[in-house]
Amino acid sequence: MDNLDIWEKIFRNKEWDKYPPIPLIKFIAKNFYNVPDRKNIKILEIGSGPGANIWYMAREGFTVYGIDGSKTACENAKKKLLNDNLKNNIGSIATGDYHNLLNNFENGYFDAIIDVESLYCNSLTKSKEIIELAFKKLKSNGVFYSQTFANGTWGFDGDLDKDSGLYPIEGPLANTGFVRPVTKENITDLYKLENNSITLIERVDQLLQNKKVIKEWIIELKKK
């Protein structure tokens, strides 16, 4: 069973991600809360899941777009937005491969693109390709947000080369298939492009009651 099939099964059988993470809220507020007409701001989430993040951004008045490999997740995301009368804030929510769906948009279309724990399901090589394509779809001065698991988080320890990953059997994503955490040394190689600048690298660690640690990188970028 590949990752897409695994996550489709998870989204069919488990409630997931009801609210956006605080670092994402801070990112959106910092970049867009002072914009006079929020509806003109187009924000795409790659790996939008059942819609917690695009629901939040739509409620704040922005026009949102979502891409996810799970049909069930996309259907739940649409339902979540429609139930809150946010139809006019939906650009599109589509099921499929990132490469194919990103190419449906013209270059320079989005003001922001976000990734909240989605790219980690791909190797470093494929993740780099997705980021490069995503940046083509950003406007000049557009911004990119990535929240991604750091190596050493519970269940994610292991030796990694450029295209390897892990299959955790414990921790927050036990038995969810391929995962590819990021070391600090990986960040520049993965996210730095010729036409962008990294504006923030921050580590956020969460200590759980069983003394296990969830480690995440918050990475913000800007297109030149």
Protein backbone atom coordinates (compact mmCIF):
# COMPACT_ATOMS: atom_id res chain seq x y z
CA MET A 1 0.00 0.00 0.00
CA ASP A 2 1.54 3.35 -1.01
CA ASN A 3 1.30 6.59 0.95
CA LEU A 4 -1.74 7.92 -0.94
CA ASP A 5 -3.72 4.75 -0.22
CA ILE A 6 -2.66 4.82 3.43
CA TRP A 7 -3.76 8.43 3.90
CA GLU A 8 -7.02 7.88 2.04
CA LYS A 9 -7.80 5.10 4.53
CA ILE A 10 -6.83 7.33 7.47
CA PHE A 11 -9.04 10.20 6.30
CA ARG A 12 -11.97 7.82 5.78
CA ASN A 13 -11.73 6.42 9.29
CA LYS A 14 -10.33 9.12 11.54
CA GLU A 15 -11.11 12.73 12.34
CA TRP A 16 -7.98 14.76 11.66
CA ASP A 17 -6.70 18.31 11.97
CA LYS A 18 -9.66 20.39 13.17
CA TYR A 19 -7.70 23.61 13.75
CA PRO A 20 -4.69 25.35 12.20
CA PRO A 21 -1.31 25.46 13.99
CA ILE A 22 -0.40 28.70 15.74
CA PRO A 23 2.79 29.30 13.69
CA LEU A 24 0.69 29.29 10.51
CA ILE A 25 -1.76 31.80 11.99
CA LYS A 26 1.17 34.07 12.86
CA PHE A 27 2.55 33.74 9.33
CA ILE A 28 -0.76 34.67 7.70
CA ALA A 29 -1.34 37.55 10.12
CA LYS A 30 2.15 38.94 9.59
CA ASN A 31 1.91 38.87 5.81
CA PHE A 32 -1.74 39.56 5.00
CA TYR A 33 -3.88 40.90 7.85
CA ASN A 34 -3.22 44.50 6.77
CA VAL A 35 -4.23 43.93 3.15
CA PRO A 36 -7.22 46.20 2.25
CA ASP A 37 -9.13 43.55 0.25
CA ARG A 38 -8.36 40.09 1.60
CA LYS A 39 -10.44 38.33 -1.06
CA ASN A 40 -7.86 39.36 -3.66
CA ILE A 41 -5.21 37.35 -1.81
CA LYS A 42 -4.92 33.84 -3.27
CA ILE A 43 -3.44 31.19 -0.98
CA LEU A 44 -2.76 27.58 -1.96
CA GLU A 45 -2.16 24.75 0.47
CA ILE A 46 -0.38 21.69 -0.88
CA GLY A 47 -1.53 18.72 1.16
CA SER A 48 -4.64 20.51 2.41
CA GLY A 49 -6.10 17.38 4.03
CA PRO A 50 -9.62 17.77 5.50
CA GLY A 51 -9.34 21.54 5.39
CA ALA A 52 -8.44 22.95 8.81
CA ASN A 53 -5.97 25.47 7.39
CA ILE A 54 -7.91 26.57 4.32
CA TRP A 55 -11.05 26.84 6.48
CA TYR A 56 -9.23 29.23 8.81
CA MET A 57 -7.86 31.30 5.92
CA ALA A 58 -11.25 31.44 4.19
CA ARG A 59 -12.88 32.58 7.44
CA GLU A 60 -10.31 35.38 7.53
CA GLY A 61 -11.54 36.50 4.12
CA PHE A 62 -8.85 35.13 1.79
CA THR A 63 -9.45 33.12 -1.39
CA VAL A 64 -8.19 29.60 -0.80
CA TYR A 65 -7.07 26.70 -2.93
CA GLY A 66 -6.28 23.16 -1.83
CA ILE A 67 -4.49 20.16 -3.30
CA ASP A 68 -4.48 16.74 -1.69
CA GLY A 69 -3.97 13.15 -2.79
CA SER A 70 -6.98 11.92 -0.81
CA LYS A 71 -10.43 12.22 -2.34
CA THR A 72 -12.05 11.83 1.07
CA ALA A 73 -9.93 14.62 2.55
CA CYS A 74 -10.87 16.99 -0.29
CA GLU A 75 -14.57 16.17 0.06
CA ASN A 76 -14.39 16.81 3.81
CA ALA A 77 -12.57 20.10 3.23
CA LYS A 78 -15.23 21.32 0.79
CA LYS A 79 -17.98 20.29 3.19
CA LYS A 80 -16.27 22.13 6.07
CA LEU A 81 -16.09 25.38 4.10
CA LEU A 82 -19.59 25.11 2.64
CA ASN A 83 -21.08 24.42 6.07
CA ASP A 84 -19.64 27.75 7.21
CA ASN A 85 -21.01 29.60 4.17
CA LEU A 86 -17.54 30.15 2.72
CA LYS A 87 -18.35 29.16 -0.86
CA ASN A 88 -17.29 32.56 -2.20
CA ASN A 89 -13.83 32.13 -0.68
CA ILE A 90 -13.12 28.82 -2.41
CA GLY A 91 -10.91 29.02 -5.48
CA SER A 92 -10.65 25.25 -5.95
CA ILE A 93 -10.01 22.10 -3.94
CA ALA A 94 -8.62 19.33 -6.12
CA THR A 95 -7.54 15.71 -5.69
CA GLY A 96 -4.39 14.48 -7.36
CA ASP A 97 -0.64 14.69 -7.76
CA TYR A 98 1.09 17.95 -6.77
CA HIS A 99 3.01 18.19 -10.05
CA ASN A 100 -0.04 17.78 -12.27
CA LEU A 101 -2.31 20.05 -10.25
CA LEU A 102 0.24 22.82 -9.77
CA ASN A 103 0.69 22.93 -13.52
CA ASN A 104 -3.00 23.77 -13.89
CA PHE A 105 -2.21 27.25 -12.57
CA GLU A 106 -0.43 29.96 -14.48
CA ASN A 107 2.94 31.15 -13.25
CA GLY A 108 2.77 34.02 -10.77
CA TYR A 109 -0.80 33.20 -9.71
CA PHE A 110 -0.58 32.87 -5.91
CA ASP A 111 0.29 35.32 -3.16
CA ALA A 112 1.21 32.49 -0.80
CA ILE A 113 1.67 28.73 -0.82
CA ILE A 114 1.75 26.70 2.38
CA ASP A 115 2.85 23.22 3.36
CA VAL A 116 1.89 21.92 6.79
CA GLU A 117 3.43 18.47 7.24
CA SER A 118 2.87 17.32 3.67
CA LEU A 119 6.17 17.53 1.81
CA TYR A 120 7.74 15.14 4.31
CA CYS A 121 5.92 12.28 2.55
CA ASN A 122 8.32 12.75 -0.38
CA SER A 123 12.06 12.22 -0.80
CA LEU A 124 14.33 15.25 -0.65
CA THR A 125 14.74 15.11 -4.44
CA LYS A 126 11.00 15.07 -5.12
CA SER A 127 10.32 17.65 -2.41
CA LYS A 128 12.85 19.99 -4.04
CA GLU A 129 11.09 19.54 -7.41
CA ILE A 130 7.72 20.38 -5.83
CA ILE A 131 9.13 23.50 -4.13
CA GLU A 132 10.73 24.67 -7.38
CA LEU A 133 7.43 24.24 -9.23
CA ALA A 134 5.48 25.92 -6.44
CA PHE A 135 7.75 28.96 -6.62
CA LYS A 136 6.98 29.36 -10.31
CA LYS A 137 3.32 29.71 -9.32
CA LEU A 138 4.05 32.44 -6.75
CA LYS A 139 3.86 36.12 -7.59
CA SER A 140 6.95 38.27 -7.23
CA ASN A 141 7.31 38.92 -3.46
CA GLY A 142 5.00 35.98 -2.82
CA VAL A 143 5.65 33.94 0.31
CA PHE A 144 6.00 30.24 1.11
CA TYR A 145 5.43 28.56 4.49
CA SER A 146 6.59 25.07 5.39
CA GLN A 147 6.05 23.27 8.68
CA THR A 148 7.86 19.95 8.57
CA PHE A 149 9.06 17.26 10.95
CA ALA A 150 12.66 17.43 12.18
CA ASN A 151 14.89 14.41 12.48
CA GLY A 152 14.89 13.09 16.03
CA THR A 153 11.16 13.51 16.56
CA TRP A 154 9.50 10.54 18.23
CA GLY A 155 9.61 7.57 15.87
CA PHE A 156 11.63 9.39 13.20
CA ASP A 157 15.24 8.60 14.14
CA GLY A 158 17.43 7.04 11.50
CA ASP A 159 20.24 7.55 9.03
CA LEU A 160 19.11 9.40 5.92
CA ASP A 161 20.66 10.01 2.55
CA LYS A 162 19.20 12.29 -0.11
CA ASP A 163 16.42 9.96 -1.24
CA SER A 164 15.83 7.75 1.76
CA GLY A 165 13.11 7.92 4.33
CA LEU A 166 11.77 6.09 7.35
CA TYR A 167 8.74 3.94 8.12
CA PRO A 168 7.98 4.75 11.78
CA ILE A 169 6.33 2.06 13.87
CA GLU A 170 5.77 4.33 16.87
CA GLY A 171 5.08 8.00 17.46
CA PRO A 172 2.56 10.42 15.90
CA LEU A 173 2.71 8.91 12.42
CA ALA A 174 3.25 5.24 13.20
CA ASN A 175 2.23 3.01 10.30
CA THR A 176 1.45 5.87 7.94
CA GLY A 177 4.04 4.86 5.35
CA PHE A 178 7.10 6.73 4.09
CA VAL A 179 8.28 9.77 6.02
CA ARG A 180 11.32 11.96 5.34
CA PRO A 181 12.30 14.19 8.28
CA VAL A 182 14.61 17.18 7.82
CA THR A 183 17.92 17.83 9.52
CA LYS A 184 19.14 21.39 9.97
CA GLU A 185 21.78 20.68 7.33
CA ASN A 186 19.05 19.70 4.83
CA ILE A 187 17.14 22.97 5.04
CA THR A 188 19.22 25.18 2.79
CA ASP A 189 19.66 22.44 0.18
CA LEU A 190 15.94 21.72 0.14
CA TYR A 191 14.41 25.18 0.31
CA LYS A 192 16.98 27.63 -1.07
CA LEU A 193 16.41 28.48 -4.73
CA GLU A 194 18.02 31.01 -7.03
CA ASN A 195 14.92 33.22 -6.91
CA ASN A 196 14.03 33.10 -3.22
CA SER A 197 15.32 33.98 0.22
CA ILE A 198 14.82 32.09 3.47
CA THR A 199 13.37 34.61 5.92
CA LEU A 200 12.83 32.34 8.94
CA ILE A 201 14.11 29.04 10.28
CA GLU A 202 12.71 28.10 13.67
CA ARG A 203 12.47 24.87 15.66
CA VAL A 204 9.36 24.09 17.67
CA ASP A 205 9.52 21.14 20.08
CA GLN A 206 6.56 19.65 21.90
CA LEU A 207 7.17 17.44 24.93
CA LEU A 208 4.38 14.93 25.42
CA GLN A 209 3.27 13.44 28.74
CA ASN A 210 5.13 10.22 28.01
CA LYS A 211 8.33 12.30 27.69
CA LYS A 212 8.50 11.81 23.93
CA VAL A 213 9.31 14.84 21.79
CA ILE A 214 7.70 16.05 18.55
CA LYS A 215 10.19 18.25 16.68
CA GLU A 216 9.19 20.52 13.81
CA TRP A 217 10.88 23.11 11.62
CA ILE A 218 9.04 26.30 10.72
CA ILE A 219 10.51 27.65 7.48
CA GLU A 220 9.39 30.83 5.74
CA LEU A 221 10.55 31.96 2.32
CA LYS A 222 10.01 34.89 -0.02
CA LYS A 223 10.20 35.01 -3.80
CA LYS A 224 12.42 37.76 -5.18
